[in-house]
Amino acid sequence: MGQCYLFVHFKEKSTPDGEQVYFSISRDGLHWEAVHEGAPVLWTYYGTRGARDMTIVRHPKTGRIYIAATDLSISYGVRRYRSDFWKHAGTEGSSSLSIWESDDLVHWTEQRLEEITPYQAAFGCVWAPDAIWDPEKEMFLLHWSSSISDDGFERKRIFASYTADFHTFSEPFVLFEEETDVIDSAMYFYEDQYYLFYKGGIPTRVRLAVSDSSTGPFQPMEAFDQSMEQVELGKYEAPTAVQLEDGRWALFIDYYGAHGADQGYVPFLSSDLSEGTFTQADQEFSFPYHFKHGTILKITEEEYERIRTFDWTDPGFVGFF
């Protein structure tokens, strides 16, 4: 059976239904189709009642699948009542993540909020979670972007914590930082090295760094910067990537230089992640609509068909078990 793919993401809308969990699936990682006719498959009921910047991972030992999302809603009130809503969200945002779990990708637990173990200073936000399996610790290394109270929420760093079950978390530590904001980390293991995509640097843009360890130190890849020089500065964020069955790496970076639903992922391809060179490849990809900040999970043909044929509109299906 061939390798298939599940993209978990949200939509940039001015209404609350956009800030929920959406699924899209693909047989080749290039051509994508909407699940549930492009409607949300999971909803938030607690916290801010908004889910953004989500990730999805599978436990390699148990097969359990987890979705972790930023607990943040721009639709419910913040945009309406505050002109500085992004600053407010970064200094007074949620210190919790929204979590869902499943064993089969169609029956999910109800949303729950999990507060990240306190750091030595208060988090202003817990944004854009991502996770990678650590085979030595047999735990996930969860990482995210946060500003902290110690420096007056001056800049965001990438923090990390270990978790085996997305219920309990080790004490957070700084995974990666620069002199300016660093956000939207996405990490991948390839040929004995760890590759960290993020947004940061001067000028601010999507960047790539590499390390022998998942906890760094990470060294910048100049070849990536050079290959992305033609990409418009200051208009892209939220990198996410996947290795396709043919060996190429597909990188998606989120274009936010437009209004509302015109925002979304732009695709790039590389023949070898270790070379760090990517080329924009719009013509090779097709999407049912614009995806916003998410993550791709490799799935089997059987799982693909299960998701595709599942009756998400069945009145007896309430979205969780």
C-alpha atoms as a PDB file:
ATOM      1  CA  MET A   1       0.000   0.000   0.000  1.00  0.00           C
ATOM      2  CA  GLY A   2       1.195   3.485  -0.795  1.00  0.00           C
ATOM      3  CA  GLN A   3       1.896   6.200   1.702  1.00  0.00           C
ATOM      4  CA  CYS A   4      -0.909   8.721   2.239  1.00  0.00           C
ATOM      5  CA  TYR A   5      -1.103  11.963   4.173  1.00  0.00           C
ATOM      6  CA  LEU A   6      -3.381  13.833   6.584  1.00  0.00           C
ATOM      7  CA  PHE A   7      -3.111  17.636   6.902  1.00  0.00           C
ATOM      8  CA  VAL A   8      -4.550  19.042  10.139  1.00  0.00           C
ATOM      9  CA  HIS A   9      -5.112  22.804  10.032  1.00  0.00           C
ATOM     10  CA  PHE A  10      -7.544  25.679  10.549  1.00  0.00           C
ATOM     11  CA  LYS A  11      -8.987  28.412   8.325  1.00  0.00           C
ATOM     12  CA  GLU A  12      -8.435  32.158   8.518  1.00  0.00           C
ATOM     13  CA  LYS A  13     -11.991  33.423   8.878  1.00  0.00           C
ATOM     14  CA  SER A  14     -13.622  36.222  10.838  1.00  0.00           C
ATOM     15  CA  THR A  15     -16.136  33.761  12.296  1.00  0.00           C
ATOM     16  CA  PRO A  16     -15.498  31.192  15.076  1.00  0.00           C
ATOM     17  CA  ASP A  17     -15.935  28.176  12.789  1.00  0.00           C
ATOM     18  CA  GLY A  18     -12.614  29.027  11.152  1.00  0.00           C
ATOM     19  CA  GLU A  19     -10.667  28.573  14.384  1.00  0.00           C
ATOM     20  CA  GLN A  20     -11.459  24.881  14.721  1.00  0.00           C
ATOM     21  CA  VAL A  21      -9.810  21.634  13.561  1.00  0.00           C
ATOM     22  CA  TYR A  22     -10.019  20.775   9.856  1.00  0.00           C
ATOM     23  CA  PHE A  23      -8.773  17.681   8.017  1.00  0.00           C
ATOM     24  CA  SER A  24      -7.557  17.368   4.443  1.00  0.00           C
ATOM     25  CA  ILE A  25      -6.131  14.179   2.917  1.00  0.00           C
ATOM     26  CA  SER A  26      -3.862  13.255   0.030  1.00  0.00           C
ATOM     27  CA  ARG A  27      -2.558  10.113  -1.646  1.00  0.00           C
ATOM     28  CA  ASP A  28       0.684  11.736  -2.801  1.00  0.00           C
ATOM     29  CA  GLY A  29       1.218  14.810  -0.609  1.00  0.00           C
ATOM     30  CA  LEU A  30       0.741  17.005  -3.674  1.00  0.00           C
ATOM     31  CA  HIS A  31      -2.972  16.901  -4.433  1.00  0.00           C
ATOM     32  CA  TRP A  32      -5.249  17.517  -1.464  1.00  0.00           C
ATOM     33  CA  GLU A  33      -8.967  17.018  -0.853  1.00  0.00           C
ATOM     34  CA  ALA A  34     -11.160  18.355   1.918  1.00  0.00           C
ATOM     35  CA  VAL A  35     -12.659  16.092   4.570  1.00  0.00           C
ATOM     36  CA  HIS A  36     -16.257  16.673   5.688  1.00  0.00           C
ATOM     37  CA  GLU A  37     -16.784  18.975   2.688  1.00  0.00           C
ATOM     38  CA  GLY A  38     -14.402  21.512   4.184  1.00  0.00           C
ATOM     39  CA  ALA A  39     -16.241  21.835   7.503  1.00  0.00           C
ATOM     40  CA  PRO A  40     -14.557  21.403  10.922  1.00  0.00           C
ATOM     41  CA  VAL A  41     -14.156  17.844  12.158  1.00  0.00           C
ATOM     42  CA  LEU A  42     -13.377  18.813  15.774  1.00  0.00           C
ATOM     43  CA  TRP A  43     -14.597  21.763  17.816  1.00  0.00           C
ATOM     44  CA  THR A  44     -13.329  23.616  20.854  1.00  0.00           C
ATOM     45  CA  TYR A  45     -15.726  24.050  23.765  1.00  0.00           C
ATOM     46  CA  TYR A  46     -13.382  25.189  26.534  1.00  0.00           C
ATOM     47  CA  GLY A  47     -10.831  27.928  27.112  1.00  0.00           C
ATOM     48  CA  THR A  48     -10.995  30.619  24.436  1.00  0.00           C
ATOM     49  CA  ARG A  49     -13.078  28.278  22.241  1.00  0.00           C
ATOM     50  CA  GLY A  50     -10.607  28.737  19.412  1.00  0.00           C
ATOM     51  CA  ALA A  51      -7.967  26.362  18.051  1.00  0.00           C
ATOM     52  CA  ARG A  52      -5.088  27.647  15.925  1.00  0.00           C
ATOM     53  CA  ASP A  53      -1.593  26.539  14.925  1.00  0.00           C
ATOM     54  CA  MET A  54      -2.161  22.836  15.530  1.00  0.00           C
ATOM     55  CA  THR A  55       0.084  19.789  15.265  1.00  0.00           C
ATOM     56  CA  ILE A  56      -0.633  16.071  14.987  1.00  0.00           C
ATOM     57  CA  VAL A  57       1.665  13.201  16.046  1.00  0.00           C
ATOM     58  CA  ARG A  58       1.454   9.446  16.449  1.00  0.00           C
ATOM     59  CA  HIS A  59       2.983   7.610  19.409  1.00  0.00           C
ATOM     60  CA  PRO A  60       5.385   5.078  17.855  1.00  0.00           C
ATOM     61  CA  LYS A  61       4.865   2.555  20.678  1.00  0.00           C
ATOM     62  CA  THR A  62       1.114   2.679  21.297  1.00  0.00           C
ATOM     63  CA  GLY A  63      -0.160   4.059  18.004  1.00  0.00           C
ATOM     64  CA  ARG A  64      -2.153   6.676  19.916  1.00  0.00           C
ATOM     65  CA  ILE A  65      -2.644   9.874  17.900  1.00  0.00           C
ATOM     66  CA  TYR A  66      -2.604  13.324  19.472  1.00  0.00           C
ATOM     67  CA  ILE A  67      -3.600  16.758  18.226  1.00  0.00           C
ATOM     68  CA  ALA A  68      -2.283  19.744  20.169  1.00  0.00           C
ATOM     69  CA  ALA A  69      -3.442  23.266  19.322  1.00  0.00           C
ATOM     70  CA  THR A  70      -2.953  26.817  20.495  1.00  0.00           C
ATOM     71  CA  ASP A  71      -5.809  27.883  22.773  1.00  0.00           C
ATOM     72  CA  LEU A  72      -6.531  31.198  21.072  1.00  0.00           C
ATOM     73  CA  SER A  73      -9.553  32.807  19.449  1.00  0.00           C
ATOM     74  CA  ILE A  74      -9.344  36.011  17.479  1.00  0.00           C
ATOM     75  CA  SER A  75     -12.975  35.704  16.398  1.00  0.00           C
ATOM     76  CA  TYR A  76     -14.537  35.669  19.857  1.00  0.00           C
ATOM     77  CA  GLY A  77     -14.274  39.258  20.966  1.00  0.00           C
ATOM     78  CA  VAL A  78     -10.555  40.021  20.883  1.00  0.00           C
ATOM     79  CA  ARG A  79     -10.471  41.433  17.372  1.00  0.00           C
ATOM     80  CA  ARG A  80     -13.754  43.237  17.965  1.00  0.00           C
ATOM     81  CA  TYR A  81     -12.872  44.990  21.191  1.00  0.00           C
ATOM     82  CA  ARG A  82      -9.110  45.562  21.062  1.00  0.00           C
ATOM     83  CA  SER A  83      -6.972  47.285  18.456  1.00  0.00           C
ATOM     84  CA  ASP A  84      -3.863  45.645  19.919  1.00  0.00           C
ATOM     85  CA  PHE A  85      -5.251  42.093  19.958  1.00  0.00           C
ATOM     86  CA  TRP A  86      -2.022  40.379  18.852  1.00  0.00           C
ATOM     87  CA  LYS A  87       0.004  42.135  21.555  1.00  0.00           C
ATOM     88  CA  HIS A  88      -2.685  41.276  24.086  1.00  0.00           C
ATOM     89  CA  ALA A  89      -2.669  37.616  23.018  1.00  0.00           C
ATOM     90  CA  GLY A  90       1.128  37.503  23.345  1.00  0.00           C
ATOM     91  CA  THR A  91       1.234  38.912  26.881  1.00  0.00           C
ATOM     92  CA  GLU A  92      -2.069  37.759  28.373  1.00  0.00           C
ATOM     93  CA  GLY A  93      -2.728  34.666  26.300  1.00  0.00           C
ATOM     94  CA  SER A  94      -3.533  31.141  27.393  1.00  0.00           C
ATOM     95  CA  SER A  95      -0.903  29.007  29.125  1.00  0.00           C
ATOM     96  CA  SER A  96      -2.795  25.883  28.058  1.00  0.00           C
ATOM     97  CA  LEU A  97      -2.984  23.778  24.922  1.00  0.00           C
ATOM     98  CA  SER A  98      -6.094  22.138  23.513  1.00  0.00           C
ATOM     99  CA  ILE A  99      -5.614  18.363  23.193  1.00  0.00           C
ATOM    100  CA  TRP A 100      -7.543  15.637  21.352  1.00  0.00           C
ATOM    101  CA  GLU A 101      -6.689  11.910  21.190  1.00  0.00           C
ATOM    102  CA  SER A 102      -7.656   9.032  18.902  1.00  0.00           C
ATOM    103  CA  ASP A 103      -6.775   5.456  18.049  1.00  0.00           C
ATOM    104  CA  ASP A 104      -8.301   5.410  14.571  1.00  0.00           C
ATOM    105  CA  LEU A 105      -8.335   9.049  13.310  1.00  0.00           C
ATOM    106  CA  VAL A 106     -12.151   9.237  13.145  1.00  0.00           C
ATOM    107  CA  HIS A 107     -13.230   8.792  16.784  1.00  0.00           C
ATOM    108  CA  TRP A 108     -11.696  11.418  19.032  1.00  0.00           C
ATOM    109  CA  THR A 109     -11.786  12.310  22.690  1.00  0.00           C
ATOM    110  CA  GLU A 110     -13.477  15.536  23.659  1.00  0.00           C
ATOM    111  CA  GLN A 111     -11.258  18.604  23.693  1.00  0.00           C
ATOM    112  CA  ARG A 112      -9.414  19.090  26.948  1.00  0.00           C
ATOM    113  CA  LEU A 113      -7.162  21.897  28.144  1.00  0.00           C
ATOM    114  CA  GLU A 114      -3.719  21.022  29.471  1.00  0.00           C
ATOM    115  CA  GLU A 115      -1.746  23.746  31.202  1.00  0.00           C
ATOM    116  CA  ILE A 116       1.966  23.665  30.487  1.00  0.00           C
ATOM    117  CA  THR A 117       4.121  23.202  33.595  1.00  0.00           C
ATOM    118  CA  PRO A 118       5.068  26.685  34.848  1.00  0.00           C
ATOM    119  CA  TYR A 119       8.437  28.077  33.852  1.00  0.00           C
ATOM    120  CA  GLN A 120      10.575  30.239  36.161  1.00  0.00           C
ATOM    121  CA  ALA A 121       8.756  33.238  34.668  1.00  0.00           C
ATOM    122  CA  ALA A 122       5.136  33.517  33.585  1.00  0.00           C
ATOM    123  CA  PHE A 123       4.325  32.671  29.989  1.00  0.00           C
ATOM    124  CA  GLY A 124       2.581  35.397  28.038  1.00  0.00           C
ATOM    125  CA  CYS A 125       1.257  32.785  25.643  1.00  0.00           C
ATOM    126  CA  VAL A 126       1.782  29.192  24.551  1.00  0.00           C
ATOM    127  CA  TRP A 127       1.693  29.318  20.770  1.00  0.00           C
ATOM    128  CA  ALA A 128       2.208  27.014  17.811  1.00  0.00           C
ATOM    129  CA  PRO A 129       2.991  23.644  19.454  1.00  0.00           C
ATOM    130  CA  ASP A 130       4.919  20.978  17.588  1.00  0.00           C
ATOM    131  CA  ALA A 131       6.349  17.668  18.794  1.00  0.00           C
ATOM    132  CA  ILE A 132       8.964  15.126  17.786  1.00  0.00           C
ATOM    133  CA  TRP A 133       9.588  11.689  19.262  1.00  0.00           C
ATOM    134  CA  ASP A 134      12.744  11.233  21.349  1.00  0.00           C
ATOM    135  CA  PRO A 135      13.666   7.522  21.092  1.00  0.00           C
ATOM    136  CA  GLU A 136      16.145   7.678  23.988  1.00  0.00           C
ATOM    137  CA  LYS A 137      13.680   9.165  26.464  1.00  0.00           C
ATOM    138  CA  GLU A 138      10.719   7.388  24.830  1.00  0.00           C
ATOM    139  CA  MET A 139       8.789  10.642  25.085  1.00  0.00           C
ATOM    140  CA  PHE A 140       7.725  13.456  22.827  1.00  0.00           C
ATOM    141  CA  LEU A 141       9.764  16.647  22.825  1.00  0.00           C
ATOM    142  CA  LEU A 142       7.008  19.250  22.721  1.00  0.00           C
ATOM    143  CA  HIS A 143       8.104  22.741  21.662  1.00  0.00           C
ATOM    144  CA  TRP A 144       6.282  26.034  21.216  1.00  0.00           C
ATOM    145  CA  SER A 145       6.701  29.827  21.110  1.00  0.00           C
ATOM    146  CA  SER A 146       6.302  31.995  24.204  1.00  0.00           C
ATOM    147  CA  SER A 147       7.135  35.400  25.566  1.00  0.00           C
ATOM    148  CA  ILE A 148       7.810  35.601  29.313  1.00  0.00           C
ATOM    149  CA  SER A 149       7.260  38.095  32.114  1.00  0.00           C
ATOM    150  CA  ASP A 150      10.947  38.284  33.155  1.00  0.00           C
ATOM    151  CA  ASP A 151      11.825  40.584  30.269  1.00  0.00           C
ATOM    152  CA  GLY A 152       8.456  42.302  30.073  1.00  0.00           C
ATOM    153  CA  PHE A 153       7.338  39.977  27.263  1.00  0.00           C
ATOM    154  CA  GLU A 154       9.940  41.664  25.078  1.00  0.00           C
ATOM    155  CA  ARG A 155      10.590  38.752  22.712  1.00  0.00           C
ATOM    156  CA  LYS A 156       9.444  35.231  21.998  1.00  0.00           C
ATOM    157  CA  ARG A 157      11.638  32.174  22.410  1.00  0.00           C
ATOM    158  CA  ILE A 158      11.164  28.520  21.558  1.00  0.00           C
ATOM    159  CA  PHE A 159      10.519  26.560  24.745  1.00  0.00           C
ATOM    160  CA  ALA A 160      10.314  22.794  25.108  1.00  0.00           C
ATOM    161  CA  SER A 161       9.061  20.143  27.512  1.00  0.00           C
ATOM    162  CA  TYR A 162       8.921  16.346  27.479  1.00  0.00           C
ATOM    163  CA  THR A 163       5.657  14.435  27.609  1.00  0.00           C
ATOM    164  CA  ALA A 164       4.704  10.806  27.173  1.00  0.00           C
ATOM    165  CA  ASP A 165       0.938  11.273  27.085  1.00  0.00           C
ATOM    166  CA  PHE A 166       0.100  14.990  26.646  1.00  0.00           C
ATOM    167  CA  HIS A 167      -1.274  14.930  30.191  1.00  0.00           C
ATOM    168  CA  THR A 168       1.884  15.547  32.178  1.00  0.00           C
ATOM    169  CA  PHE A 169       4.824  17.692  31.108  1.00  0.00           C
ATOM    170  CA  SER A 170       8.361  18.133  32.356  1.00  0.00           C
ATOM    171  CA  GLU A 171       9.666  21.513  33.456  1.00  0.00           C
ATOM    172  CA  PRO A 172      10.004  23.750  30.369  1.00  0.00           C
ATOM    173  CA  PHE A 173      13.371  24.917  29.138  1.00  0.00           C
ATOM    174  CA  VAL A 174      14.598  27.246  26.396  1.00  0.00           C
ATOM    175  CA  LEU A 175      15.206  25.193  23.269  1.00  0.00           C
ATOM    176  CA  PHE A 176      16.181  27.959  20.870  1.00  0.00           C
ATOM    177  CA  GLU A 177      16.416  31.748  20.962  1.00  0.00           C
ATOM    178  CA  GLU A 178      17.830  34.717  19.091  1.00  0.00           C
ATOM    179  CA  GLU A 179      18.082  38.432  19.817  1.00  0.00           C
ATOM    180  CA  THR A 180      14.698  38.954  18.210  1.00  0.00           C
ATOM    181  CA  ASP A 181      11.457  36.968  18.207  1.00  0.00           C
ATOM    182  CA  VAL A 182      11.624  33.326  17.130  1.00  0.00           C
ATOM    183  CA  ILE A 183       8.313  31.581  16.547  1.00  0.00           C
ATOM    184  CA  ASP A 184       6.622  28.708  14.702  1.00  0.00           C
ATOM    185  CA  SER A 185       9.163  25.938  15.205  1.00  0.00           C
ATOM    186  CA  ALA A 186       8.859  22.662  13.283  1.00  0.00           C
ATOM    187  CA  MET A 187      11.457  19.924  13.773  1.00  0.00           C
ATOM    188  CA  TYR A 188      12.301  16.838  11.675  1.00  0.00           C
ATOM    189  CA  PHE A 189      14.799  14.001  12.021  1.00  0.00           C
ATOM    190  CA  TYR A 190      16.576  13.048   8.811  1.00  0.00           C
ATOM    191  CA  GLU A 191      19.800  11.115   8.231  1.00  0.00           C
ATOM    192  CA  ASP A 192      20.964  11.345  11.856  1.00  0.00           C
ATOM    193  CA  GLN A 193      20.373  15.074  12.178  1.00  0.00           C
ATOM    194  CA  TYR A 194      17.608  17.324  13.426  1.00  0.00           C
ATOM    195  CA  TYR A 195      16.289  20.103  11.204  1.00  0.00           C
ATOM    196  CA  LEU A 196      14.503  23.054  12.770  1.00  0.00           C
ATOM    197  CA  PHE A 197      12.344  25.341  10.647  1.00  0.00           C
ATOM    198  CA  TYR A 198      11.260  28.565  12.329  1.00  0.00           C
ATOM    199  CA  LYS A 199      10.491  32.215  11.720  1.00  0.00           C
ATOM    200  CA  GLY A 200      13.041  34.693  13.007  1.00  0.00           C
ATOM    201  CA  GLY A 201      16.325  36.433  12.328  1.00  0.00           C
ATOM    202  CA  ILE A 202      17.109  39.798  10.779  1.00  0.00           C
ATOM    203  CA  PRO A 203      15.482  40.336   8.372  1.00  0.00           C
ATOM    204  CA  THR A 204      12.616  38.271   9.742  1.00  0.00           C
ATOM    205  CA  ARG A 205      11.747  35.321   7.535  1.00  0.00           C
ATOM    206  CA  VAL A 206      11.284  31.555   7.572  1.00  0.00           C
ATOM    207  CA  ARG A 207      14.649  29.938   8.307  1.00  0.00           C
ATOM    208  CA  LEU A 208      16.237  26.507   8.740  1.00  0.00           C
ATOM    209  CA  ALA A 209      18.842  25.339  11.247  1.00  0.00           C
ATOM    210  CA  VAL A 210      20.431  21.937  11.888  1.00  0.00           C
ATOM    211  CA  SER A 211      21.827  20.054  14.892  1.00  0.00           C
ATOM    212  CA  ASP A 212      23.058  16.614  15.909  1.00  0.00           C
ATOM    213  CA  SER A 213      20.652  16.764  18.858  1.00  0.00           C
ATOM    214  CA  SER A 214      16.957  17.575  19.189  1.00  0.00           C
ATOM    215  CA  THR A 215      17.859  20.055  21.930  1.00  0.00           C
ATOM    216  CA  GLY A 216      20.574  21.812  19.912  1.00  0.00           C
ATOM    217  CA  PRO A 217      22.629  23.830  19.559  1.00  0.00           C
ATOM    218  CA  PHE A 218      21.273  24.565  16.088  1.00  0.00           C
ATOM    219  CA  GLN A 219      23.363  26.026  13.299  1.00  0.00           C
ATOM    220  CA  PRO A 220      21.798  28.096  10.487  1.00  0.00           C
ATOM    221  CA  MET A 221      21.746  26.662   6.967  1.00  0.00           C
ATOM    222  CA  GLU A 222      22.818  29.431   4.614  1.00  0.00           C
ATOM    223  CA  ALA A 223      21.818  27.397   1.573  1.00  0.00           C
ATOM    224  CA  PHE A 224      18.201  27.574   2.720  1.00  0.00           C
ATOM    225  CA  ASP A 225      18.376  31.352   3.164  1.00  0.00           C
ATOM    226  CA  GLN A 226      19.821  31.707  -0.321  1.00  0.00           C
ATOM    227  CA  SER A 227      17.167  29.513  -1.896  1.00  0.00           C
ATOM    228  CA  MET A 228      14.423  31.558  -0.224  1.00  0.00           C
ATOM    229  CA  GLU A 229      15.797  34.999  -1.121  1.00  0.00           C
ATOM    230  CA  GLN A 230      13.082  35.551  -3.731  1.00  0.00           C
ATOM    231  CA  VAL A 231      10.313  34.887  -1.205  1.00  0.00           C
ATOM    232  CA  GLU A 232       8.695  38.114  -0.067  1.00  0.00           C
ATOM    233  CA  LEU A 233      10.032  39.229   3.304  1.00  0.00           C
ATOM    234  CA  GLY A 234       7.719  39.582   6.262  1.00  0.00           C
ATOM    235  CA  LYS A 235       4.752  37.831   4.643  1.00  0.00           C
ATOM    236  CA  TYR A 236       5.362  34.158   5.477  1.00  0.00           C
ATOM    237  CA  GLU A 237       5.402  32.071   8.653  1.00  0.00           C
ATOM    238  CA  ALA A 238       4.321  28.693  10.106  1.00  0.00           C
ATOM    239  CA  PRO A 239       6.612  26.296   8.196  1.00  0.00           C
ATOM    240  CA  THR A 240       5.604  22.631   8.111  1.00  0.00           C
ATOM    241  CA  ALA A 241       7.188  19.855   6.077  1.00  0.00           C
ATOM    242  CA  VAL A 242       6.921  16.194   5.139  1.00  0.00           C
ATOM    243  CA  GLN A 243       9.066  13.746   3.199  1.00  0.00           C
ATOM    244  CA  LEU A 244       7.145  12.368   0.243  1.00  0.00           C
ATOM    245  CA  GLU A 245       7.224   8.745  -0.830  1.00  0.00           C
ATOM    246  CA  ASP A 246       9.552   9.590  -3.744  1.00  0.00           C
ATOM    247  CA  GLY A 247      12.135  10.964  -1.298  1.00  0.00           C
ATOM    248  CA  ARG A 248      11.548  14.650  -1.945  1.00  0.00           C
ATOM    249  CA  TRP A 249      10.692  17.022   0.887  1.00  0.00           C
ATOM    250  CA  ALA A 250       7.612  19.213   0.633  1.00  0.00           C
ATOM    251  CA  LEU A 251       7.736  22.436   2.653  1.00  0.00           C
ATOM    252  CA  PHE A 252       4.639  24.554   3.193  1.00  0.00           C
ATOM    253  CA  ILE A 253       4.939  28.111   4.461  1.00  0.00           C
ATOM    254  CA  ASP A 254       1.928  30.188   5.397  1.00  0.00           C
ATOM    255  CA  TYR A 255       1.380  33.374   3.389  1.00  0.00           C
ATOM    256  CA  TYR A 256      -0.361  36.006   5.507  1.00  0.00           C
ATOM    257  CA  GLY A 257       0.233  38.987   3.226  1.00  0.00           C
ATOM    258  CA  ALA A 258      -3.393  38.987   2.078  1.00  0.00           C
ATOM    259  CA  HIS A 259      -6.727  39.500   3.771  1.00  0.00           C
ATOM    260  CA  GLY A 260      -8.891  36.769   5.275  1.00  0.00           C
ATOM    261  CA  ALA A 261      -9.427  33.621   3.240  1.00  0.00           C
ATOM    262  CA  ASP A 262      -6.780  34.623   0.675  1.00  0.00           C
ATOM    263  CA  GLN A 263      -4.153  33.705   3.245  1.00  0.00           C
ATOM    264  CA  GLY A 264      -2.761  30.172   3.264  1.00  0.00           C
ATOM    265  CA  TYR A 265       0.059  27.761   2.542  1.00  0.00           C
ATOM    266  CA  VAL A 266       2.445  28.039  -0.395  1.00  0.00           C
ATOM    267  CA  PRO A 267       4.350  24.840  -1.359  1.00  0.00           C
ATOM    268  CA  PHE A 268       8.063  24.333  -1.948  1.00  0.00           C
ATOM    269  CA  LEU A 269      10.050  21.213  -2.871  1.00  0.00           C
ATOM    270  CA  SER A 270      13.572  19.945  -2.187  1.00  0.00           C
ATOM    271  CA  SER A 271      15.293  16.818  -3.477  1.00  0.00           C
ATOM    272  CA  ASP A 272      17.338  16.532  -0.275  1.00  0.00           C
ATOM    273  CA  LEU A 273      16.619  18.177   3.079  1.00  0.00           C
ATOM    274  CA  SER A 274      20.298  18.000   4.045  1.00  0.00           C
ATOM    275  CA  GLU A 275      21.132  20.366   1.164  1.00  0.00           C
ATOM    276  CA  GLY A 276      18.613  22.919   2.435  1.00  0.00           C
ATOM    277  CA  THR A 277      17.615  24.136  -1.035  1.00  0.00           C
ATOM    278  CA  PHE A 278      13.903  24.567  -1.768  1.00  0.00           C
ATOM    279  CA  THR A 279      12.072  25.738  -4.890  1.00  0.00           C
ATOM    280  CA  GLN A 280       8.543  27.111  -5.022  1.00  0.00           C
ATOM    281  CA  ALA A 281       6.328  24.545  -6.734  1.00  0.00           C
ATOM    282  CA  ASP A 282       2.783  25.887  -7.009  1.00  0.00           C
ATOM    283  CA  GLN A 283       2.045  24.038 -10.259  1.00  0.00           C
ATOM    284  CA  GLU A 284       2.726  20.614  -8.732  1.00  0.00           C
ATOM    285  CA  PHE A 285       0.216  21.070  -5.898  1.00  0.00           C
ATOM    286  CA  SER A 286      -3.531  21.518  -5.673  1.00  0.00           C
ATOM    287  CA  PHE A 287      -5.640  22.432  -2.646  1.00  0.00           C
ATOM    288  CA  PRO A 288      -9.433  22.580  -2.122  1.00  0.00           C
ATOM    289  CA  TYR A 289      -9.046  25.885  -0.247  1.00  0.00           C
ATOM    290  CA  HIS A 290      -6.341  27.772   1.652  1.00  0.00           C
ATOM    291  CA  PHE A 291      -4.950  25.890   4.663  1.00  0.00           C
ATOM    292  CA  LYS A 292      -3.713  27.765   7.716  1.00  0.00           C
ATOM    293  CA  HIS A 293      -0.967  26.780  10.158  1.00  0.00           C
ATOM    294  CA  GLY A 294      -1.060  23.026  10.625  1.00  0.00           C
ATOM    295  CA  THR A 295       0.936  19.807  10.404  1.00  0.00           C
ATOM    296  CA  ILE A 296       1.014  16.700   8.222  1.00  0.00           C
ATOM    297  CA  LEU A 297       0.794  13.123   9.502  1.00  0.00           C
ATOM    298  CA  LYS A 298       1.752  10.162   7.331  1.00  0.00           C
ATOM    299  CA  ILE A 299      -1.102   7.666   7.225  1.00  0.00           C
ATOM    300  CA  THR A 300      -1.800   4.317   5.590  1.00  0.00           C
ATOM    301  CA  GLU A 301      -4.067   3.675   2.624  1.00  0.00           C
ATOM    302  CA  GLU A 302      -6.524   2.046   5.012  1.00  0.00           C
ATOM    303  CA  GLU A 303      -6.545   5.130   7.249  1.00  0.00           C
ATOM    304  CA  TYR A 304      -6.965   7.377   4.219  1.00  0.00           C
ATOM    305  CA  GLU A 305     -10.062   5.447   3.135  1.00  0.00           C
ATOM    306  CA  ARG A 306     -11.423   5.376   6.681  1.00  0.00           C
ATOM    307  CA  ILE A 307     -11.201   9.165   6.934  1.00  0.00           C
ATOM    308  CA  ARG A 308     -12.512   9.716   3.413  1.00  0.00           C
ATOM    309  CA  THR A 309     -15.554   7.455   3.756  1.00  0.00           C
ATOM    310  CA  PHE A 310     -16.461   8.200   7.360  1.00  0.00           C
ATOM    311  CA  ASP A 311     -19.864   9.829   7.735  1.00  0.00           C
ATOM    312  CA  TRP A 312     -18.835  12.977   9.563  1.00  0.00           C
ATOM    313  CA  THR A 313     -22.378  14.335   9.142  1.00  0.00           C
ATOM    314  CA  ASP A 314     -24.088  11.373  10.856  1.00  0.00           C
ATOM    315  CA  PRO A 315     -26.349  12.904  13.553  1.00  0.00           C
ATOM    316  CA  GLY A 316     -25.243  10.131  15.889  1.00  0.00           C
ATOM    317  CA  PHE A 317     -21.611  11.252  15.589  1.00  0.00           C
ATOM    318  CA  VAL A 318     -20.815  13.944  18.119  1.00  0.00           C
ATOM    319  CA  GLY A 319     -17.119  14.307  17.366  1.00  0.00           C
ATOM    320  CA  PHE A 320     -15.716  12.381  20.302  1.00  0.00           C
ATOM    321  CA  PHE A 321     -16.100   9.222  22.337  1.00  0.00           C
END
